PDB file of N, CA and C in Angstrom:
ATOM      1  N   MET A   1     114.302   2.901 -77.507  1.00  0.00           N
ATOM      2  CA  MET A   1     114.051   4.084 -79.031  1.00  0.00           C
ATOM      3  C   MET A   1     112.921   3.547 -79.760  1.00  0.00           C
ATOM      4  N   ASP A   2     113.294   4.004 -80.874  1.00  0.00           N
ATOM      5  CA  ASP A   2     112.172   3.114 -82.367  1.00  0.00           C
ATOM      6  C   ASP A   2     113.627   2.393 -83.079  1.00  0.00           C
ATOM      7  N   ALA A   3     112.925   1.790 -83.781  1.00  0.00           N
ATOM      8  CA  ALA A   3     113.209   1.036 -84.992  1.00  0.00           C
ATOM      9  C   ALA A   3     114.270   1.956 -85.627  1.00  0.00           C
ATOM     10  N   LYS A   4     114.083   3.157 -86.290  1.00  0.00           N
ATOM     11  CA  LYS A   4     114.863   3.557 -87.005  1.00  0.00           C
ATOM     12  C   LYS A   4     115.890   4.528 -86.519  1.00  0.00           C
ATOM     13  N   THR A   5     115.864   4.832 -85.370  1.00  0.00           N
ATOM     14  CA  THR A   5     117.145   5.031 -84.448  1.00  0.00           C
ATOM     15  C   THR A   5     117.659   4.536 -83.575  1.00  0.00           C
ATOM     16  N   ASP A   6     117.378   2.991 -83.810  1.00  0.00           N
ATOM     17  CA  ASP A   6     118.259   1.756 -83.681  1.00  0.00           C
ATOM     18  C   ASP A   6     119.196   1.320 -84.690  1.00  0.00           C
ATOM     19  N   ALA A   7     118.288   1.792 -86.507  1.00  0.00           N
ATOM     20  CA  ALA A   7     119.694   1.245 -87.525  1.00  0.00           C
ATOM     21  C   ALA A   7     120.126   2.329 -87.822  1.00  0.00           C
ATOM     22  N   LEU A   8     120.157   3.907 -87.590  1.00  0.00           N
ATOM     23  CA  LEU A   8     120.848   4.346 -87.504  1.00  0.00           C
ATOM     24  C   LEU A   8     122.180   4.282 -86.454  1.00  0.00           C
ATOM     25  N   ILE A   9     121.706   4.149 -85.726  1.00  0.00           N
ATOM     26  CA  ILE A   9     122.949   4.209 -84.369  1.00  0.00           C
ATOM     27  C   ILE A   9     124.115   3.226 -84.448  1.00  0.00           C
ATOM     28  N   GLU A  10     122.878   1.974 -85.620  1.00  0.00           N
ATOM     29  CA  GLU A  10     124.490   0.888 -86.032  1.00  0.00           C
ATOM     30  C   GLU A  10     124.729   1.508 -87.206  1.00  0.00           C
ATOM     31  N   HIS A  11     124.094   2.163 -87.972  1.00  0.00           N
ATOM     32  CA  HIS A  11     125.063   2.730 -88.934  1.00  0.00           C
ATOM     33  C   HIS A  11     126.308   3.056 -88.682  1.00  0.00           C
ATOM     34  N   LEU A  12     126.254   3.585 -88.046  1.00  0.00           N
ATOM     35  CA  LEU A  12     127.472   4.662 -87.710  1.00  0.00           C
ATOM     36  C   LEU A  12     128.054   4.059 -86.800  1.00  0.00           C
ATOM     37  N   VAL A  13     127.860   2.988 -86.119  1.00  0.00           N
ATOM     38  CA  VAL A  13     128.952   2.228 -85.626  1.00  0.00           C
ATOM     39  C   VAL A  13     129.913   1.812 -86.161  1.00  0.00           C
ATOM     40  N   LEU A  14     129.431   0.798 -87.499  1.00  0.00           N
ATOM     41  CA  LEU A  14     128.950  -0.244 -88.861  1.00  0.00           C
ATOM     42  C   LEU A  14     130.276   0.327 -89.368  1.00  0.00           C
ATOM     43  N   GLN A  15     129.820   1.844 -89.368  1.00  0.00           N
ATOM     44  CA  GLN A  15     130.993   2.699 -90.380  1.00  0.00           C
ATOM     45  C   GLN A  15     131.798   3.617 -89.253  1.00  0.00           C
ATOM     46  N   GLY A  16     132.026   3.765 -88.126  1.00  0.00           N
ATOM     47  CA  GLY A  16     133.453   4.615 -87.064  1.00  0.00           C
ATOM     48  C   GLY A  16     132.803   5.535 -87.255  1.00  0.00           C
ATOM     49  N   GLY A  17     131.709   6.103 -87.906  1.00  0.00           N
ATOM     50  CA  GLY A  17     131.089   7.050 -86.823  1.00  0.00           C
ATOM     51  C   GLY A  17     130.763   7.550 -85.286  1.00  0.00           C
ATOM     52  N   ILE A  18     130.340   6.274 -84.939  1.00  0.00           N
ATOM     53  CA  ILE A  18     130.393   6.583 -83.126  1.00  0.00           C
ATOM     54  C   ILE A  18     131.372   5.090 -82.862  1.00  0.00           C
ATOM     55  N   GLU A  19     131.100   5.386 -81.432  1.00  0.00           N
ATOM     56  CA  GLU A  19     132.155   3.957 -80.903  1.00  0.00           C
ATOM     57  C   GLU A  19     131.798   3.788 -79.798  1.00  0.00           C
ATOM     58  N   ILE A  20     131.029   2.648 -79.085  1.00  0.00           N
ATOM     59  CA  ILE A  20     130.643   2.147 -78.431  1.00  0.00           C
ATOM     60  C   ILE A  20     131.228   2.369 -76.800  1.00  0.00           C
ATOM     61  N   ALA A  21     131.106   2.969 -75.658  1.00  0.00           N
ATOM     62  CA  ALA A  21     132.253   3.539 -74.940  1.00  0.00           C
ATOM     63  C   ALA A  21     132.288   2.692 -73.941  1.00  0.00           C
ATOM     64  N   ASP A  22     130.226   2.512 -73.779  1.00  0.00           N
ATOM     65  CA  ASP A  22     130.195   1.975 -72.230  1.00  0.00           C
ATOM     66  C   ASP A  22     129.017   0.968 -72.351  1.00  0.00           C
ATOM     67  N   ILE A  23     128.668   0.661 -71.288  1.00  0.00           N
ATOM     68  CA  ILE A  23     126.753  -0.228 -71.359  1.00  0.00           C
ATOM     69  C   ILE A  23     126.485   0.125 -69.138  1.00  0.00           C
ATOM     70  N   ASN A  24     125.428   1.001 -68.925  1.00  0.00           N
ATOM     71  CA  ASN A  24     125.607   0.762 -67.717  1.00  0.00           C
ATOM     72  C   ASN A  24     124.679  -0.596 -67.899  1.00  0.00           C
ATOM     73  N   LEU A  25     125.206  -1.557 -66.743  1.00  0.00           N
ATOM     74  CA  LEU A  25     124.433  -3.000 -66.489  1.00  0.00           C
ATOM     75  C   LEU A  25     123.525  -3.050 -65.537  1.00  0.00           C
ATOM     76  N   GLU A  26     123.114  -1.294 -64.323  1.00  0.00           N
ATOM     77  CA  GLU A  26     121.561  -1.935 -63.995  1.00  0.00           C
ATOM     78  C   GLU A  26     120.666  -1.377 -64.848  1.00  0.00           C
ATOM     79  N   THR A  27     120.741  -0.433 -65.998  1.00  0.00           N
ATOM     80  CA  THR A  27     119.293   0.205 -66.812  1.00  0.00           C
ATOM     81  C   THR A  27     120.011  -0.268 -68.119  1.00  0.00           C
ATOM     82  N   GLY A  28     120.831  -0.982 -68.390  1.00  0.00           N
ATOM     83  CA  GLY A  28     121.176  -1.337 -70.062  1.00  0.00           C
ATOM     84  C   GLY A  28     121.641  -0.418 -71.279  1.00  0.00           C
ATOM     85  N   GLU A  29     121.760   1.063 -70.985  1.00  0.00           N
ATOM     86  CA  GLU A  29     121.414   1.790 -71.292  1.00  0.00           C
ATOM     87  C   GLU A  29     123.486   1.991 -71.924  1.00  0.00           C
ATOM     88  N   THR A  30     123.450   2.574 -72.961  1.00  0.00           N
ATOM     89  CA  THR A  30     124.551   2.588 -73.573  1.00  0.00           C
ATOM     90  C   THR A  30     125.107   3.642 -74.244  1.00  0.00           C
ATOM     91  N   TYR A  31     126.565   4.310 -73.444  1.00  0.00           N
ATOM     92  CA  TYR A  31     126.966   5.761 -73.659  1.00  0.00           C
ATOM     93  C   TYR A  31     128.558   5.176 -75.410  1.00  0.00           C
ATOM     94  N   TYR A  32     128.554   6.335 -76.434  1.00  0.00           N
ATOM     95  CA  TYR A  32     128.878   6.277 -77.066  1.00  0.00           C
ATOM     96  C   TYR A  32     130.033   7.498 -77.204  1.00  0.00           C
ATOM     97  N   ASN A  33     131.107   7.347 -77.853  1.00  0.00           N
ATOM     98  CA  ASN A  33     131.779   8.494 -78.177  1.00  0.00           C
ATOM     99  C   ASN A  33     131.840   8.859 -79.849  1.00  0.00           C
ATOM    100  N   ILE A  34     131.234   9.768 -80.588  1.00  0.00           N
ATOM    101  CA  ILE A  34     131.774  10.857 -81.334  1.00  0.00           C
ATOM    102  C   ILE A  34     134.133   9.953 -82.260  1.00  0.00           C
ATOM    103  N   THR A  35     133.739   9.778 -82.876  1.00  0.00           N
ATOM    104  CA  THR A  35     134.993   9.867 -84.132  1.00  0.00           C
ATOM    105  C   THR A  35     134.858  11.121 -85.037  1.00  0.00           C
ATOM    106  N   ASP A  36     136.031  11.712 -85.159  1.00  0.00           N
ATOM    107  CA  ASP A  36     136.535  12.963 -86.900  1.00  0.00           C
ATOM    108  C   ASP A  36     135.741  11.825 -87.193  1.00  0.00           C
ATOM    109  N   LYS A  37     135.234  10.925 -87.405  1.00  0.00           N
ATOM    110  CA  LYS A  37     134.877   9.897 -89.464  1.00  0.00           C
ATOM    111  C   LYS A  37     133.671  10.584 -89.117  1.00  0.00           C
ATOM    112  N   LEU A  38     132.885  10.858 -88.596  1.00  0.00           N
ATOM    113  CA  LEU A  38     131.551  11.599 -88.022  1.00  0.00           C
ATOM    114  C   LEU A  38     130.748  12.050 -89.231  1.00  0.00           C
ATOM    115  N   LYS A  39     131.875  13.258 -89.142  1.00  0.00           N
ATOM    116  CA  LYS A  39     132.277  14.446 -89.533  1.00  0.00           C
ATOM    117  C   LYS A  39     131.629  13.852 -91.366  1.00  0.00           C
ATOM    118  N   GLU A  40     132.160  12.833 -91.292  1.00  0.00           N
ATOM    119  CA  GLU A  40     132.283  12.907 -93.112  1.00  0.00           C
ATOM    120  C   GLU A  40     131.351  11.504 -93.562  1.00  0.00           C
ATOM    121  N   ILE A  41     130.778  10.504 -92.710  1.00  0.00           N
ATOM    122  CA  ILE A  41     129.717  10.671 -92.586  1.00  0.00           C
ATOM    123  C   ILE A  41     128.877  10.894 -92.415  1.00  0.00           C
ATOM    124  N   TYR A  42     127.983  11.735 -91.002  1.00  0.00           N
ATOM    125  CA  TYR A  42     126.781  12.952 -91.343  1.00  0.00           C
ATOM    126  C   TYR A  42     127.571  13.630 -90.654  1.00  0.00           C
ATOM    127  N   PRO A  43     126.967  15.185 -91.589  1.00  0.00           N
ATOM    128  CA  PRO A  43     127.966  15.955 -91.052  1.00  0.00           C
ATOM    129  C   PRO A  43     126.872  17.062 -90.338  1.00  0.00           C
ATOM    130  N   GLU A  44     125.565  16.494 -90.600  1.00  0.00           N
ATOM    131  CA  GLU A  44     124.501  17.584 -89.661  1.00  0.00           C
ATOM    132  C   GLU A  44     124.481  16.859 -88.451  1.00  0.00           C
ATOM    133  N   LEU A  45     124.466  15.685 -87.701  1.00  0.00           N
ATOM    134  CA  LEU A  45     124.582  15.618 -86.782  1.00  0.00           C
ATOM    135  C   LEU A  45     126.074  16.204 -85.732  1.00  0.00           C
ATOM    136  N   TYR A  46     127.129  15.338 -86.562  1.00  0.00           N
ATOM    137  CA  TYR A  46     128.740  16.542 -86.282  1.00  0.00           C
ATOM    138  C   TYR A  46     128.538  17.788 -85.552  1.00  0.00           C
ATOM    139  N   GLN A  47     127.620  18.479 -86.399  1.00  0.00           N
ATOM    140  CA  GLN A  47     127.751  20.232 -86.356  1.00  0.00           C
ATOM    141  C   GLN A  47     126.740  20.362 -85.126  1.00  0.00           C
ATOM    142  N   ASP A  48     125.438  19.432 -85.088  1.00  0.00           N
ATOM    143  CA  ASP A  48     125.096  19.538 -84.092  1.00  0.00           C
ATOM    144  C   ASP A  48     125.283  19.296 -82.661  1.00  0.00           C
ATOM    145  N   LEU A  49     126.209  18.394 -82.896  1.00  0.00           N
ATOM    146  CA  LEU A  49     127.082  17.371 -81.174  1.00  0.00           C
ATOM    147  C   LEU A  49     127.896  18.677 -81.374  1.00  0.00           C
ATOM    148  N   GLU A  50     128.993  19.602 -82.210  1.00  0.00           N
ATOM    149  CA  GLU A  50     129.679  20.080 -81.508  1.00  0.00           C
ATOM    150  C   GLU A  50     128.803  21.999 -81.470  1.00  0.00           C
ATOM    151  N   ASP A  51     127.747  22.016 -81.474  1.00  0.00           N
ATOM    152  CA  ASP A  51     127.592  23.387 -81.415  1.00  0.00           C
ATOM    153  C   ASP A  51     126.898  23.061 -79.827  1.00  0.00           C
ATOM    154  N   GLN A  52     126.434  21.772 -79.308  1.00  0.00           N
ATOM    155  CA  GLN A  52     125.828  21.403 -77.743  1.00  0.00           C
ATOM    156  C   GLN A  52     126.807  21.045 -76.639  1.00  0.00           C
ATOM    157  N   PHE A  53     128.297  20.911 -77.620  1.00  0.00           N
ATOM    158  CA  PHE A  53     128.949  21.038 -76.860  1.00  0.00           C
ATOM    159  C   PHE A  53     129.452  22.257 -76.563  1.00  0.00           C
ATOM    160  N   LYS A  54     129.935  23.278 -77.085  1.00  0.00           N
ATOM    161  CA  LYS A  54     130.372  24.686 -77.674  1.00  0.00           C
ATOM    162  C   LYS A  54     129.378  24.935 -76.498  1.00  0.00           C
ATOM    163  N   HIS A  55     127.740  25.041 -76.389  1.00  0.00           N
ATOM    164  CA  HIS A  55     127.137  25.781 -75.851  1.00  0.00           C
ATOM    165  C   HIS A  55     127.225  25.279 -74.102  1.00  0.00           C
ATOM    166  N   HIS A  56     127.281  24.032 -74.079  1.00  0.00           N
ATOM    167  CA  HIS A  56     127.438  23.034 -72.130  1.00  0.00           C
ATOM    168  C   HIS A  56     128.478  24.072 -72.004  1.00  0.00           C
ATOM    169  N   LEU A  57     129.997  23.924 -72.745  1.00  0.00           N
ATOM    170  CA  LEU A  57     130.871  24.851 -72.161  1.00  0.00           C
ATOM    171  C   LEU A  57     131.354  25.591 -72.237  1.00  0.00           C
ATOM    172  N   PHE A  58     130.800  26.885 -72.505  1.00  0.00           N
ATOM    173  CA  PHE A  58     129.883  28.272 -72.684  1.00  0.00           C
ATOM    174  C   PHE A  58     129.247  28.976 -71.745  1.00  0.00           C
ATOM    175  N   VAL A  59     128.140  27.752 -71.631  1.00  0.00           N
ATOM    176  CA  VAL A  59     127.632  27.553 -69.620  1.00  0.00           C
ATOM    177  C   VAL A  59     128.300  27.804 -68.516  1.00  0.00           C
ATOM    178  N   LEU A  60     129.542  26.511 -68.676  1.00  0.00           N
ATOM    179  CA  LEU A  60     130.157  26.375 -67.620  1.00  0.00           C
ATOM    180  C   LEU A  60     130.911  26.997 -66.843  1.00  0.00           C
ATOM    181  N   ASN A  61     131.348  28.058 -68.397  1.00  0.00           N
ATOM    182  CA  ASN A  61     132.318  29.212 -68.124  1.00  0.00           C
ATOM    183  C   ASN A  61     132.075  29.611 -67.740  1.00  0.00           C
ATOM    184  N   LYS A  62     130.103  30.033 -67.439  1.00  0.00           N
ATOM    185  CA  LYS A  62     129.606  31.519 -67.194  1.00  0.00           C
ATOM    186  C   LYS A  62     129.348  31.055 -65.565  1.00  0.00           C
ATOM    187  N   ILE A  63     129.349  30.515 -65.303  1.00  0.00           N
ATOM    188  CA  ILE A  63     129.335  29.763 -63.760  1.00  0.00           C
ATOM    189  C   ILE A  63     130.376  29.902 -63.086  1.00  0.00           C
ATOM    190  N   GLY A  64     131.551  29.291 -64.002  1.00  0.00           N
ATOM    191  CA  GLY A  64     132.764  29.716 -63.047  1.00  0.00           C
ATOM    192  C   GLY A  64     133.432  28.568 -61.959  1.00  0.00           C
ATOM    193  N   PRO A  65     134.302  28.240 -61.545  1.00  0.00           N
ATOM    194  CA  PRO A  65     134.959  27.361 -60.925  1.00  0.00           C
ATOM    195  C   PRO A  65     133.768  27.399 -60.010  1.00  0.00           C
ATOM    196  N   LYS A  66     133.816  25.955 -59.322  1.00  0.00           N
ATOM    197  CA  LYS A  66     133.297  25.132 -57.833  1.00  0.00           C
ATOM    198  C   LYS A  66     134.235  24.339 -58.073  1.00  0.00           C
ATOM    199  N   SER A  67     134.032  24.403 -56.571  1.00  0.00           N
ATOM    200  CA  SER A  67     135.071  23.440 -55.123  1.00  0.00           C
ATOM    201  C   SER A  67     134.042  22.258 -55.599  1.00  0.00           C
ATOM    202  N   MET A  68     135.064  21.180 -55.388  1.00  0.00           N
ATOM    203  CA  MET A  68     134.240  19.780 -55.381  1.00  0.00           C
ATOM    204  C   MET A  68     135.097  18.783 -54.652  1.00  0.00           C
ATOM    205  N   THR A  69     134.274  17.785 -53.666  1.00  0.00           N
ATOM    206  CA  THR A  69     135.035  16.899 -52.814  1.00  0.00           C
ATOM    207  C   THR A  69     135.446  15.523 -53.793  1.00  0.00           C
ATOM    208  N   TRP A  70     135.817  14.685 -54.013  1.00  0.00           N
ATOM    209  CA  TRP A  70     135.823  13.540 -54.728  1.00  0.00           C
ATOM    210  C   TRP A  70     136.290  12.406 -54.380  1.00  0.00           C
ATOM    211  N   ARG A  71     135.705  11.174 -54.317  1.00  0.00           N
ATOM    212  CA  ARG A  71     135.708  10.044 -53.331  1.00  0.00           C
ATOM    213  C   ARG A  71     136.032   9.121 -54.103  1.00  0.00           C
ATOM    214  N   ILE A  72     137.134   8.344 -53.565  1.00  0.00           N
ATOM    215  CA  ILE A  72     137.909   7.061 -54.541  1.00  0.00           C
ATOM    216  C   ILE A  72     136.924   6.168 -53.725  1.00  0.00           C
ATOM    217  N   ARG A  73     136.274   5.071 -54.207  1.00  0.00           N
ATOM    218  CA  ARG A  73     135.860   3.612 -54.117  1.00  0.00           C
ATOM    219  C   ARG A  73     137.035   2.572 -54.581  1.00  0.00           C
ATOM    220  N   ASN A  74     137.128   2.248 -53.300  1.00  0.00           N
ATOM    221  CA  ASN A  74     138.254   1.426 -53.644  1.00  0.00           C
ATOM    222  C   ASN A  74     137.148  -0.686 -54.151  1.00  0.00           C
TER     223      ASN A  74
END
């Protein structure tokens, strides 16, 4: 990421708009959860993320149910 993106993410974390959810120890990639406060802090980003989420749900709904096999690792 560039410095501008890093600064935005840091700002959003410090303001409570996003929360660190997990860090991939193999790649160092950080995963975030959005909070309702993001709607107040950065409404445009919140709306973009909400629109993307709704789009993905629509696509999954069109695909229909799929059969999945889950493996639980000990």
